[in-house]
């Protein structure tokens, strides 16, 4: 039966005691991790968020009734224990922070009993994710997840501390917003008062933070909740947290400078990682050409090589056909894998097809210098040798080639590069490689929409010297945009914003908006720009992704307290769920059968 803690007050968390406290009387409270009954003595490992402390019960200290009660203790019971810290009589446990001491119980209470948990509450659980997420409140008791949550809390504190010292004001922006057509799908909220109208949950605080710059707040910062109705991946959730900022009277270098110092401070203080400044910068085009990605993992090589010039006159139709269609032929050198079995190569071909390729060409450089290739019969010995030389191929290497439109080739080889690096254990997970990607295209062509779309968002400032091409060659216009990348993950992105009405209106025109539709969607922002708007720029981090890298987790679910699964549902609360018909009627909504 559960007892009250009245009259007992916790003096320490479990690992806040040490050998320096030997002889002191303390009170600790927590959950039972493990219980061992040795007859005359009962040992309990008590756990709280700080770690474990061994508790010793014997009949002389807690009395015969107390000792009988101690015998009823089971895993995950909640205890309050008062006693004296003493040096362990048995062997010291060097794996525990409190491994050289124990608490000799004098008084204790069972504050709450527990059913047998559906899985062990232990570090590095092998329990299936579905079960862990259904009982997430139990999963969150595990020491590795508690470490993640506490580190996340520390990171937020450090960010707030740094930003305050840099003159940023923390200002909250609305959650119920106006839906905008660009970007991912919005989550919509029906209005009871305005029948047939909907709010949208914010994909980011973008428009509001630009309005704050119009309002003269100069430097804004927010830990912001954001929502996107999109398919989930390991580093995506339908609701996520941004560390968001905007600055006035700055250029791109100013924003990058303050963020480099922010990253340096947070990583040093949170996880002891030293970041040397300034961080390297790489133009978008170079990143795509070398790594096939605008968020390249630079902890290993295996870079892409453009061999279009080498094969432009060869007899292999797959290569020449891609070039005739305005595409390219590129390859990667998988060092030392020339003897890879055909079955494995076939799997790589299927992997490439899954990334959008029609196929994958390969060339093995045998140890005797001869070649084994899927396309050797279409090319001369000299052409094959030139191809091998272009990729710095040596005896024992495996060369992989993709031929198609640039976008597909980059995507395929960029993904293959990462896949091979993981399979061959080429990535040093202890390294932190930060990189700025700059000079993004302002626009990208959408085959589905049959129009140009903003690569970042419609408020991104173009590079001044490129703006004259906006009518004749819009795809060549670069943006004053910048992403911060860590180990192949986009940690954050930002840009200098458009603050001149004529450029903003032209941008909307290029994106297919009429003046009327632009004002219908963004009139409040465009109106604000009529009243004096300062040059401004900003950036937002994915806080979940940042902490995921700090703790070396495989998924952001391990750094979010209550995450969703792939279909955006919550296994614990069973959200989303149906609602009462009366609620729907009040909102003037009907569900189609």
Protein backbone atom coordinates (compact mmCIF):
# COMPACT_ATOMS: atom_id res chain seq x y z
CA UNK A 1 0.00 0.00 0.00
CA UNK A 2 1.35 3.42 -0.98
CA UNK A 3 2.48 5.72 1.82
CA UNK A 4 2.71 9.49 2.15
CA UNK A 5 6.03 11.32 2.00
CA UNK A 6 4.77 13.82 4.58
CA UNK A 7 7.56 14.68 7.00
CA UNK A 8 10.28 13.38 4.67
CA UNK A 9 12.10 15.84 2.40
CA UNK A 10 14.60 14.85 -0.26
CA UNK A 11 18.05 16.20 0.57
CA UNK A 12 20.00 14.82 -2.40
CA UNK A 13 19.51 13.16 -5.76
CA UNK A 14 20.99 9.68 -5.94
CA UNK A 15 24.39 10.63 -7.38
CA UNK A 16 24.70 13.93 -5.54
CA UNK A 17 26.25 11.99 -2.68
CA UNK A 18 29.84 10.72 -2.70
CA UNK A 19 32.62 9.54 -0.41
CA UNK A 20 32.72 13.08 1.00
CA UNK A 21 29.27 12.43 2.50
CA UNK A 22 30.30 9.28 4.44
CA UNK A 23 28.78 9.45 7.92
CA UNK A 24 26.07 11.95 6.92
CA UNK A 25 22.34 11.25 7.14
CA UNK A 26 20.56 11.94 3.82
CA UNK A 27 17.17 11.35 2.23
CA UNK A 28 16.85 10.17 -1.36
CA UNK A 29 13.80 9.31 -3.46
CA UNK A 30 13.42 7.43 -6.71
CA UNK A 31 12.54 4.22 -8.53
CA UNK A 32 13.78 0.71 -7.82
CA UNK A 33 16.07 -0.42 -10.63
CA UNK A 34 16.92 -3.79 -9.09
CA UNK A 35 16.38 -5.65 -5.82
CA UNK A 36 18.54 -8.47 -4.36
CA UNK A 37 17.36 -10.37 -1.27
CA UNK A 38 20.25 -12.14 0.47
CA UNK A 39 18.25 -13.21 3.51
CA UNK A 40 19.81 -11.11 6.26
CA UNK A 41 20.32 -8.16 3.92
CA UNK A 42 18.27 -6.65 1.10
CA UNK A 43 20.04 -4.54 -1.52
CA UNK A 44 18.15 -2.09 -3.72
CA UNK A 45 19.56 -0.03 -6.59
CA UNK A 46 17.58 3.20 -6.42
CA UNK A 47 17.37 5.28 -9.61
CA UNK A 48 16.50 8.87 -10.32
CA UNK A 49 17.43 11.10 -13.24
CA UNK A 50 20.96 11.56 -11.87
CA UNK A 51 21.79 7.82 -11.75
CA UNK A 52 21.94 4.92 -9.27
CA UNK A 53 22.63 4.59 -5.55
CA UNK A 54 22.79 1.28 -3.67
CA UNK A 55 20.51 1.09 -0.62
CA UNK A 56 21.09 -1.52 2.13
CA UNK A 57 18.25 -2.74 4.38
CA UNK A 58 18.81 -4.91 7.45
CA UNK A 59 16.53 -5.82 10.33
CA UNK A 60 18.56 -3.99 13.01
CA UNK A 61 18.27 -0.64 11.23
CA UNK A 62 14.70 -0.66 9.90
CA UNK A 63 13.11 -3.02 12.45
CA UNK A 64 11.44 -6.36 11.83
CA UNK A 65 8.26 -4.81 10.35
CA UNK A 66 10.33 -2.56 8.14
CA UNK A 67 12.46 -5.48 6.99
CA UNK A 68 9.32 -7.47 6.09
CA UNK A 69 8.07 -4.44 4.14
CA UNK A 70 11.43 -4.16 2.36
CA UNK A 71 10.95 -7.75 1.24
CA UNK A 72 7.88 -6.67 -0.74
CA UNK A 73 9.81 -4.13 -2.82
CA UNK A 74 9.84 -4.81 -6.56
CA UNK A 75 11.27 -3.15 -9.65
CA UNK A 76 9.88 0.34 -10.40
CA UNK A 77 8.40 0.81 -6.92
CA UNK A 78 8.87 4.44 -5.84
CA UNK A 79 10.73 4.79 -2.52
CA UNK A 80 11.73 7.51 -0.10
CA UNK A 81 14.72 6.43 2.01
CA UNK A 82 16.52 8.13 4.90
CA UNK A 83 19.79 6.70 6.14
CA UNK A 84 23.51 7.11 6.59
CA UNK A 85 26.10 7.13 3.81
CA UNK A 86 28.80 4.55 4.38
CA UNK A 87 31.71 3.04 2.47
CA UNK A 88 30.77 -0.15 0.66
CA UNK A 89 31.75 -3.27 2.53
CA UNK A 90 31.53 -5.39 -0.61
CA UNK A 91 33.45 -4.80 -3.85
CA UNK A 92 33.49 -1.27 -5.25
CA UNK A 93 31.48 -0.89 -8.49
CA UNK A 94 33.74 1.26 -10.67
CA UNK A 95 31.10 1.53 -13.41
CA UNK A 96 28.84 3.57 -11.09
CA UNK A 97 29.37 7.17 -10.05
CA UNK A 98 28.36 6.11 -6.52
CA UNK A 99 30.16 2.76 -6.76
CA UNK A 100 32.30 3.19 -3.61
CA UNK A 101 29.46 4.10 -1.23
CA UNK A 102 26.00 2.90 -0.20
CA UNK A 103 23.10 4.22 1.83
CA UNK A 104 22.39 2.27 5.02
CA UNK A 105 18.60 2.66 5.41
CA UNK A 106 17.14 3.81 8.74
CA UNK A 107 13.65 4.76 7.55
CA UNK A 108 11.85 4.26 4.28
CA UNK A 109 8.44 4.52 2.71
CA UNK A 110 6.92 2.91 -0.36
CA UNK A 111 5.42 5.93 -2.06
CA UNK A 112 4.00 3.99 -5.01
CA UNK A 113 3.85 0.39 -6.17
CA UNK A 114 4.30 -0.73 -9.77
CA UNK A 115 3.06 -3.45 -12.07
CA UNK A 116 5.72 -5.41 -13.91
CA UNK A 117 6.83 -3.13 -16.78
CA UNK A 118 6.30 -4.43 -20.34
CA UNK A 119 10.06 -4.12 -20.99
CA UNK A 120 13.20 -3.65 -18.88
CA UNK A 121 13.98 -0.06 -17.85
CA UNK A 122 17.63 -0.14 -18.86
CA UNK A 123 20.19 1.62 -21.01
CA UNK A 124 20.43 0.70 -24.72
CA UNK A 125 17.10 -1.14 -24.70
CA UNK A 126 16.62 -3.71 -27.45
CA UNK A 127 12.83 -3.45 -27.13
CA UNK A 128 10.95 -2.79 -30.38
CA UNK A 129 10.30 0.88 -31.05
CA UNK A 130 6.53 0.36 -31.25
CA UNK A 131 6.38 -0.98 -27.68
CA UNK A 132 8.75 1.68 -26.37
CA UNK A 133 6.64 4.46 -27.90
CA UNK A 134 3.35 2.99 -26.66
CA UNK A 135 4.76 3.15 -23.12
CA UNK A 136 6.87 6.25 -23.73
CA UNK A 137 6.55 7.41 -20.10
CA UNK A 138 8.40 4.22 -19.11
CA UNK A 139 10.86 4.50 -21.97
CA UNK A 140 11.73 8.01 -20.77
CA UNK A 141 12.89 6.54 -17.45
CA UNK A 142 15.81 4.85 -19.23
CA UNK A 143 19.14 6.49 -18.36
CA UNK A 144 20.23 7.10 -21.97
CA UNK A 145 16.99 8.89 -22.87
CA UNK A 146 17.09 10.87 -19.64
CA UNK A 147 20.63 11.93 -20.51
CA UNK A 148 19.38 13.08 -23.93
CA UNK A 149 16.51 15.09 -22.43
CA UNK A 150 18.78 16.73 -19.86
CA UNK A 151 21.34 17.62 -22.52
CA UNK A 152 18.58 19.12 -24.67
CA UNK A 153 17.50 21.26 -21.73
CA UNK A 154 21.10 22.40 -21.23
CA UNK A 155 21.48 23.30 -24.91
CA UNK A 156 18.34 25.47 -24.78
CA UNK A 157 19.63 27.18 -21.64
CA UNK A 158 23.03 27.83 -23.23
CA UNK A 159 21.42 29.23 -26.38
CA UNK A 160 19.23 31.59 -24.39
CA UNK A 161 22.20 32.69 -22.32
CA UNK A 162 24.35 33.40 -25.39
CA UNK A 163 21.63 35.18 -27.33
CA UNK A 164 20.74 37.42 -24.39
CA UNK A 165 24.37 38.48 -24.06
CA UNK A 166 24.42 39.26 -27.80
CA UNK A 167 21.45 41.62 -27.43
CA UNK A 168 18.67 39.36 -28.73
CA UNK A 169 15.14 39.71 -27.35
CA UNK A 170 13.11 36.52 -26.88
CA UNK A 171 9.67 37.19 -28.36
CA UNK A 172 6.89 34.62 -28.89
CA UNK A 173 5.03 34.56 -32.20
CA UNK A 174 1.51 33.13 -32.83
CA UNK A 175 0.70 29.46 -33.24
CA UNK A 176 -2.62 30.13 -35.01
CA UNK A 177 -1.58 31.72 -38.31
CA UNK A 178 -2.71 32.32 -41.89
CA UNK A 179 -2.08 29.48 -44.35
CA UNK A 180 0.50 30.22 -47.06
CA UNK A 181 0.82 28.26 -50.32
CA UNK A 182 4.61 27.82 -50.52
CA UNK A 183 6.56 25.01 -48.84
CA UNK A 184 5.22 21.86 -47.17
CA UNK A 185 1.56 21.20 -46.40
CA UNK A 186 0.06 23.10 -43.49
CA UNK A 187 -1.77 21.61 -40.55
CA UNK A 188 -5.15 23.38 -40.58
CA UNK A 189 -7.36 24.36 -37.63
CA UNK A 190 -11.03 25.17 -38.37
CA UNK A 191 -12.45 28.35 -36.88
CA UNK A 192 -15.71 28.11 -34.91
CA UNK A 193 -16.39 31.84 -35.15
CA UNK A 194 -15.46 32.30 -38.81
CA UNK A 195 -17.38 29.50 -40.52
CA UNK A 196 -15.49 27.92 -43.42
CA UNK A 197 -12.22 29.61 -42.49
CA UNK A 198 -9.10 27.97 -41.14
CA UNK A 199 -5.99 28.83 -39.21
CA UNK A 200 -2.71 27.10 -40.06
CA UNK A 201 -0.14 25.93 -37.55
CA UNK A 202 3.17 27.66 -38.34
CA UNK A 203 5.77 25.92 -40.48
CA UNK A 204 8.14 28.56 -39.12
CA UNK A 205 7.80 32.05 -37.59
CA UNK A 206 9.20 33.53 -40.84
CA UNK A 207 6.68 36.28 -41.56
CA UNK A 208 6.28 37.32 -37.96
CA UNK A 209 9.99 37.66 -37.34
CA UNK A 210 10.32 39.84 -40.45
CA UNK A 211 7.48 41.99 -39.12
CA UNK A 212 9.36 42.28 -35.82
CA UNK A 213 12.27 43.72 -37.76
CA UNK A 214 9.82 46.23 -39.28
CA UNK A 215 8.77 47.00 -35.71
CA UNK A 216 12.30 47.97 -34.71
CA UNK A 217 13.17 45.10 -32.36
CA UNK A 218 16.56 44.75 -34.05
CA UNK A 219 17.51 41.28 -32.77
CA UNK A 220 14.84 38.61 -32.19
CA UNK A 221 15.23 35.06 -30.88
CA UNK A 222 12.77 32.28 -30.07
CA UNK A 223 12.66 28.58 -29.23
CA UNK A 224 9.73 28.02 -31.58
CA UNK A 225 7.38 25.08 -32.08
CA UNK A 226 6.79 24.42 -35.79
CA UNK A 227 4.52 22.06 -37.73
CA UNK A 228 4.69 20.51 -41.20
CA UNK A 229 2.34 17.94 -42.67
CA UNK A 230 4.98 15.95 -44.54
CA UNK A 231 6.24 12.38 -44.72
CA UNK A 232 8.53 11.49 -41.84
CA UNK A 233 12.16 10.36 -41.87
CA UNK A 234 14.75 9.70 -39.18
CA UNK A 235 15.39 13.44 -38.84
CA UNK A 236 11.82 14.69 -39.39
CA UNK A 237 8.70 14.94 -37.21
CA UNK A 238 5.33 16.60 -37.89
CA UNK A 239 5.98 18.93 -34.97
CA UNK A 240 9.51 20.04 -34.20
CA UNK A 241 11.45 22.79 -32.47
CA UNK A 242 13.44 25.57 -34.08
CA UNK A 243 15.98 27.89 -32.52
CA UNK A 244 14.92 30.89 -34.57
CA UNK A 245 16.51 34.32 -34.99
CA UNK A 246 16.36 37.49 -37.08
CA UNK A 247 18.69 40.51 -37.15
CA UNK A 248 18.39 44.02 -38.59
CA UNK A 249 21.05 46.18 -40.26
CA UNK A 250 23.24 43.16 -41.04
CA UNK A 251 24.60 41.32 -44.02
CA UNK A 252 25.28 37.62 -44.53
CA UNK A 253 28.69 37.70 -42.84
CA UNK A 254 27.23 39.25 -39.67
CA UNK A 255 24.67 36.45 -39.34
CA UNK A 256 27.26 33.76 -39.99
CA UNK A 257 29.66 35.31 -37.46
CA UNK A 258 27.17 35.36 -34.57
CA UNK A 259 26.06 31.81 -35.38
CA UNK A 260 29.59 30.45 -35.55
CA UNK A 261 30.25 31.85 -32.09
CA UNK A 262 26.91 30.47 -30.86
CA UNK A 263 27.79 26.97 -32.12
CA UNK A 264 31.29 27.20 -30.66
CA UNK A 265 29.90 28.17 -27.24
CA UNK A 266 27.06 25.63 -27.11
CA UNK A 267 29.10 22.63 -28.30
CA UNK A 268 31.99 23.43 -25.96
CA UNK A 269 29.77 23.90 -22.91
CA UNK A 270 27.28 21.10 -23.64
CA UNK A 271 29.48 18.25 -24.92
CA UNK A 272 33.07 19.50 -24.65
CA UNK A 273 33.61 19.70 -28.41
CA UNK A 274 35.97 22.44 -29.53
CA UNK A 275 35.00 24.14 -32.79
CA UNK A 276 37.68 26.10 -34.61
CA UNK A 277 36.54 29.29 -36.29
CA UNK A 278 35.94 30.48 -38.92
CA UNK A 279 33.97 27.55 -40.30
CA UNK A 280 34.68 26.56 -43.90
CA UNK A 281 32.34 27.76 -46.65
CA UNK A 282 31.43 26.00 -49.88
CA UNK A 283 29.26 27.26 -52.77
CA UNK A 284 26.18 25.16 -53.54
CA UNK A 285 27.45 24.26 -57.01
CA UNK A 286 30.74 22.93 -55.65
CA UNK A 287 28.92 20.88 -52.99
CA UNK A 288 26.69 19.27 -55.61
CA UNK A 289 29.56 18.59 -58.02
CA UNK A 290 31.85 17.11 -55.37
CA UNK A 291 29.39 15.35 -53.06
CA UNK A 292 26.06 15.16 -54.89
CA UNK A 293 24.40 16.89 -51.95
CA UNK A 294 23.81 20.38 -50.59
CA UNK A 295 24.39 18.93 -47.12
CA UNK A 296 27.60 16.97 -47.68
CA UNK A 297 29.24 14.73 -45.12
CA UNK A 298 32.90 15.77 -45.38
CA UNK A 299 34.25 13.30 -42.82
CA UNK A 300 35.36 11.00 -45.66
CA UNK A 301 36.35 11.27 -49.33
CA UNK A 302 34.84 9.24 -52.19
CA UNK A 303 33.95 12.43 -54.03
CA UNK A 304 32.07 12.60 -57.32
CA UNK A 305 33.97 13.09 -60.59
CA UNK A 306 32.40 14.53 -63.76
CA UNK A 307 33.58 12.33 -66.64
CA UNK A 308 31.26 13.78 -69.29
CA UNK A 309 34.15 15.06 -71.42
CA UNK A 310 35.93 11.71 -71.19
CA UNK A 311 32.96 9.69 -72.52
CA UNK A 312 31.29 12.21 -74.87
CA UNK A 313 32.46 10.35 -77.99
CA UNK A 314 32.35 6.79 -76.67
CA UNK A 315 30.18 4.02 -78.03
CA UNK A 316 28.12 3.47 -74.89
CA UNK A 317 24.66 4.86 -75.67
CA UNK A 318 23.64 5.24 -72.02
CA UNK A 319 26.47 7.74 -71.50
CA UNK A 320 26.16 9.63 -74.77
CA UNK A 321 22.36 9.65 -74.59
CA UNK A 322 22.43 11.34 -71.19
CA UNK A 323 24.80 13.99 -72.54
CA UNK A 324 22.62 14.61 -75.58
CA UNK A 325 19.68 15.27 -73.23
CA UNK A 326 21.70 17.93 -71.41
CA UNK A 327 22.66 15.68 -68.50
CA UNK A 328 26.02 14.44 -67.28
CA UNK A 329 28.01 11.30 -66.53
CA UNK A 330 29.67 11.15 -63.13
CA UNK A 331 31.32 8.51 -61.02
CA UNK A 332 32.73 7.63 -57.60
CA UNK A 333 35.72 5.47 -56.74
CA UNK A 334 35.06 2.92 -54.00
CA UNK A 335 38.66 2.23 -53.04
CA UNK A 336 39.70 -1.40 -52.54
CA UNK A 337 36.32 -2.91 -53.50
CA UNK A 338 37.18 -4.14 -57.01
CA UNK A 339 36.61 -7.74 -55.96
CA UNK A 340 33.07 -7.08 -54.73
CA UNK A 341 30.83 -10.07 -55.61
CA UNK A 342 28.34 -9.59 -58.42
CA UNK A 343 25.41 -10.13 -56.04
CA UNK A 344 26.52 -7.15 -53.98
CA UNK A 345 26.98 -5.01 -57.08
CA UNK A 346 23.46 -5.99 -58.20
CA UNK A 347 22.17 -4.74 -54.83
CA UNK A 348 23.92 -1.43 -55.46
CA UNK A 349 22.19 -1.23 -58.84
CA UNK A 350 18.81 -1.74 -57.16
CA UNK A 351 19.74 0.87 -54.54
CA UNK A 352 20.53 3.34 -57.34
CA UNK A 353 17.19 2.64 -59.01
CA UNK A 354 15.49 3.38 -55.71
CA UNK A 355 17.15 6.80 -55.82
CA UNK A 356 15.73 7.58 -59.25
CA UNK A 357 18.36 6.10 -61.59
CA UNK A 358 17.48 3.92 -64.57
CA UNK A 359 20.53 1.81 -63.74
CA UNK A 360 24.12 1.93 -62.53
CA UNK A 361 27.27 1.26 -64.55
CA UNK A 362 30.32 -0.26 -62.87
CA UNK A 363 33.96 -0.91 -63.67
CA UNK A 364 36.23 -3.10 -61.54
CA UNK A 365 39.98 -2.59 -61.78
CA UNK A 366 41.47 -6.05 -61.29
CA UNK A 367 44.69 -6.60 -59.37
CA UNK A 368 46.53 -7.34 -62.65
CA UNK A 369 45.36 -4.00 -64.07
CA UNK A 370 42.71 -5.49 -66.38
CA UNK A 371 39.08 -4.35 -66.29
CA UNK A 372 35.76 -6.02 -65.57
CA UNK A 373 32.83 -3.81 -66.50
CA UNK A 374 29.12 -3.76 -67.31
CA UNK A 375 29.84 -1.62 -70.39
CA UNK A 376 33.35 -2.67 -71.49
CA UNK A 377 32.11 -4.11 -74.83
CA UNK A 378 30.88 -0.65 -75.86
CA UNK A 379 34.20 1.12 -75.26
CA UNK A 380 37.78 0.78 -76.41
CA UNK A 381 40.63 -0.15 -74.08
CA UNK A 382 41.94 3.43 -74.33
CA UNK A 383 38.53 4.87 -73.44
CA UNK A 384 38.27 2.59 -70.41
CA UNK A 385 41.78 3.53 -69.32
CA UNK A 386 40.94 7.25 -69.64
CA UNK A 387 37.84 6.69 -67.52
CA UNK A 388 39.84 4.90 -64.82
CA UNK A 389 42.45 7.66 -64.86
CA UNK A 390 39.77 10.35 -64.47
CA UNK A 391 38.67 8.70 -61.20
CA UNK A 392 42.24 7.99 -60.05
CA UNK A 393 41.46 4.28 -60.24
CA UNK A 394 44.05 1.84 -58.98
CA UNK A 395 44.28 -1.93 -58.93
CA UNK A 396 41.53 -3.29 -56.66
CA UNK A 397 39.15 -0.31 -56.99
CA UNK A 398 35.45 -0.33 -57.87
CA UNK A 399 34.18 2.57 -60.01
CA UNK A 400 30.46 3.34 -60.11
CA UNK A 401 28.84 5.61 -62.72
CA UNK A 402 25.47 7.31 -63.17
CA UNK A 403 24.27 9.02 -66.34
CA UNK A 404 21.14 11.17 -66.45
CA UNK A 405 19.96 14.68 -65.70
CA UNK A 406 22.27 16.38 -63.22
CA UNK A 407 19.67 16.35 -60.44
CA UNK A 408 19.25 12.57 -60.71
CA UNK A 409 22.98 11.87 -61.05
CA UNK A 410 23.77 13.98 -57.99
CA UNK A 411 21.02 12.31 -55.97
CA UNK A 412 22.05 8.77 -56.94
CA UNK A 413 25.80 9.12 -56.43
CA UNK A 414 25.39 11.26 -53.32
CA UNK A 415 23.23 8.54 -51.74
CA UNK A 416 25.54 5.73 -52.95
CA UNK A 417 28.53 7.55 -51.50
CA UNK A 418 26.89 7.61 -48.06
CA UNK A 419 25.67 4.02 -48.34
CA UNK A 420 29.15 2.72 -49.18
CA UNK A 421 30.76 4.78 -46.42
CA UNK A 422 28.41 3.25 -43.84
CA UNK A 423 28.90 -0.26 -45.18
CA UNK A 424 32.69 0.09 -45.24
CA UNK A 425 32.86 1.89 -41.87
CA UNK A 426 34.61 4.92 -43.34
CA UNK A 427 32.92 7.46 -41.05
CA UNK A 428 34.55 8.51 -37.79
CA UNK A 429 31.53 9.25 -35.60
CA UNK A 430 33.69 11.13 -33.08
CA UNK A 431 34.35 13.92 -35.60
CA UNK A 432 32.24 17.05 -35.98
CA UNK A 433 32.58 18.58 -39.46
CA UNK A 434 30.75 21.90 -39.75
CA UNK A 435 30.34 23.59 -43.11
CA UNK A 436 28.49 26.59 -44.53
CA UNK A 437 26.82 26.05 -47.90
CA UNK A 438 26.33 29.35 -49.75
CA UNK A 439 25.30 30.71 -53.16
CA UNK A 440 22.19 28.54 -53.52
CA UNK A 441 20.07 29.00 -56.64
CA UNK A 442 17.30 31.47 -55.88
CA UNK A 443 14.78 29.35 -57.80
CA UNK A 444 14.33 25.73 -58.86
CA UNK A 445 12.10 24.40 -61.62
CA UNK A 446 9.21 22.18 -60.56
CA UNK A 447 8.13 19.63 -63.17
CA UNK A 448 4.92 18.99 -61.22
CA UNK A 449 3.96 22.67 -60.97
CA UNK A 450 5.49 23.57 -64.35
CA UNK A 451 6.93 26.75 -62.87
CA UNK A 452 9.82 28.09 -60.86
CA UNK A 453 9.59 27.75 -57.10
CA UNK A 454 11.67 29.37 -54.38
CA UNK A 455 14.45 27.04 -53.27
CA UNK A 456 14.25 28.51 -49.74
CA UNK A 457 11.22 30.83 -49.56
CA UNK A 458 9.83 33.80 -51.51
CA UNK A 459 11.43 36.38 -49.19
CA UNK A 460 15.06 35.46 -49.93
CA UNK A 461 17.25 38.23 -51.34
CA UNK A 462 18.92 37.55 -54.71
CA UNK A 463 22.60 38.21 -55.27
CA UNK A 464 22.67 41.77 -56.66
CA UNK A 465 24.90 41.09 -59.67
CA UNK A 466 22.64 38.18 -60.77
CA UNK A 467 19.34 40.08 -60.53
CA UNK A 468 19.55 41.42 -64.10
CA UNK A 469 19.03 37.81 -65.32
CA UNK A 470 15.73 37.34 -63.49
CA UNK A 471 13.70 37.67 -66.72
CA UNK A 472 16.08 36.08 -69.22
CA UNK A 473 17.63 33.26 -67.16
CA UNK A 474 15.94 33.02 -63.75
CA UNK A 475 17.53 29.65 -62.96
CA UNK A 476 20.98 31.28 -62.97
CA UNK A 477 20.15 33.80 -60.24
CA UNK A 478 21.83 32.99 -56.94
CA UNK A 479 20.32 33.63 -53.52
CA UNK A 480 21.85 35.28 -50.49
CA UNK A 481 21.07 32.08 -48.64
CA UNK A 482 23.23 29.95 -46.37
CA UNK A 483 22.83 26.58 -44.66
CA UNK A 484 24.89 25.31 -41.75
CA UNK A 485 25.69 21.61 -42.23
CA UNK A 486 27.05 19.15 -39.68
CA UNK A 487 28.19 15.65 -40.67
CA UNK A 488 25.82 15.45 -43.63
CA UNK A 489 22.80 16.96 -41.87
CA UNK A 490 21.38 20.41 -42.43
CA UNK A 491 21.39 21.88 -38.91
CA UNK A 492 19.94 25.20 -39.95
CA UNK A 493 19.27 27.52 -42.83
CA UNK A 494 18.79 31.21 -43.39
CA UNK A 495 19.08 34.08 -45.78
CA UNK A 496 19.25 37.79 -46.24
CA UNK A 497 15.64 38.91 -46.78
CA UNK A 498 14.18 41.10 -49.49
CA UNK A 499 13.39 44.51 -48.01
CA UNK A 500 12.61 46.45 -51.21
CA UNK A 501 9.02 46.33 -52.44
CA UNK A 502 9.91 46.28 -56.13
CA UNK A 503 12.17 43.22 -55.73
CA UNK A 504 9.57 41.43 -53.58
CA UNK A 505 6.80 42.10 -56.10
CA UNK A 506 9.02 40.89 -58.96
CA UNK A 507 9.86 37.75 -56.97
CA UNK A 508 6.15 36.99 -56.57
CA UNK A 509 5.66 37.57 -60.30
CA UNK A 510 8.40 35.08 -61.18
CA UNK A 511 6.82 32.55 -58.82
CA UNK A 512 3.52 32.83 -60.68
CA UNK A 513 1.60 35.12 -58.32
CA UNK A 514 -0.48 37.94 -59.69
CA UNK A 515 -0.23 41.18 -57.73
CA UNK A 516 -3.71 40.50 -56.36
CA UNK A 517 -2.93 36.92 -55.24
CA UNK A 518 0.35 38.03 -53.66
CA UNK A 519 -1.49 40.67 -51.63
CA UNK A 520 -4.22 38.18 -50.74
CA UNK A 521 -1.64 35.83 -49.22
CA UNK A 522 1.03 38.23 -47.94
CA UNK A 523 -0.66 41.63 -47.93
CA UNK A 524 0.08 42.26 -44.26
CA UNK A 525 3.82 41.84 -44.91
CA UNK A 526 3.84 43.89 -48.11
CA UNK A 527 1.84 46.64 -46.40
CA UNK A 528 4.35 46.71 -43.57
CA UNK A 529 7.16 47.16 -46.09
CA UNK A 530 5.55 50.49 -47.14
CA UNK A 531 6.41 52.01 -43.78
CA UNK A 532 10.18 51.72 -43.63
CA UNK A 533 11.75 48.26 -43.31
CA UNK A 534 15.40 47.82 -42.40
CA UNK A 535 17.76 45.44 -44.22
CA UNK A 536 17.48 42.21 -42.28
CA UNK A 537 18.54 38.56 -42.29
CA UNK A 538 18.08 35.49 -40.16
CA UNK A 539 18.57 31.81 -39.56
CA UNK A 540 16.77 28.93 -37.86
CA UNK A 541 18.23 25.71 -36.44
CA UNK A 542 16.49 22.39 -36.12
CA UNK A 543 17.06 22.02 -32.38
CA UNK A 544 16.11 18.34 -32.43
CA UNK A 545 18.68 17.58 -35.15
CA UNK A 546 21.40 19.46 -33.31
CA UNK A 547 20.88 17.52 -30.08
CA UNK A 548 20.60 14.27 -32.06
CA UNK A 549 24.17 14.81 -33.31
CA UNK A 550 25.42 15.79 -29.88
CA UNK A 551 24.28 12.48 -28.36
CA UNK A 552 25.08 10.41 -31.50
CA UNK A 553 21.47 9.21 -31.80
CA UNK A 554 20.19 7.60 -35.00
CA UNK A 555 16.83 9.39 -34.90
CA UNK A 556 15.43 12.65 -33.55
CA UNK A 557 12.82 10.54 -31.75
CA UNK A 558 15.53 9.81 -29.19
CA UNK A 559 15.83 13.50 -28.29
CA UNK A 560 12.10 14.39 -28.30
CA UNK A 561 10.09 13.55 -25.22
CA UNK A 562 6.89 12.44 -26.97
CA UNK A 563 7.54 11.84 -30.69
CA UNK A 564 5.24 10.61 -33.43
CA UNK A 565 5.75 7.56 -35.68
CA UNK A 566 5.96 7.40 -39.49
CA UNK A 567 2.27 8.04 -40.14
CA UNK A 568 2.35 11.07 -37.78
CA UNK A 569 0.37 9.25 -35.09
CA UNK A 570 1.15 8.93 -31.38
CA UNK A 571 1.15 5.31 -30.20
CA UNK A 572 0.86 6.37 -26.56
CA UNK A 573 -2.17 8.71 -26.74
CA UNK A 574 -3.57 7.24 -29.99
CA UNK A 575 -3.68 10.72 -31.56
CA UNK A 576 -5.08 11.70 -33.99
CA UNK A 577 -8.52 10.50 -32.98
CA UNK A 578 -12.15 11.05 -33.85
CA UNK A 579 -14.14 13.83 -32.21
CA UNK A 580 -17.71 14.11 -31.03
CA UNK A 581 -20.33 14.88 -33.70
CA UNK A 582 -21.44 17.87 -31.66
CA UNK A 583 -17.95 19.37 -31.97
CA UNK A 584 -18.03 18.90 -35.74
CA UNK A 585 -21.48 20.48 -35.95
CA UNK A 586 -20.28 23.48 -33.97
CA UNK A 587 -17.48 23.93 -36.52
CA UNK A 588 -19.89 23.39 -39.45
CA UNK A 589 -17.82 20.40 -40.60
CA UNK A 590 -18.91 17.05 -42.03
CA UNK A 591 -16.77 13.94 -42.51
CA UNK A 592 -17.25 12.29 -45.89
CA UNK A 593 -17.94 8.58 -45.59
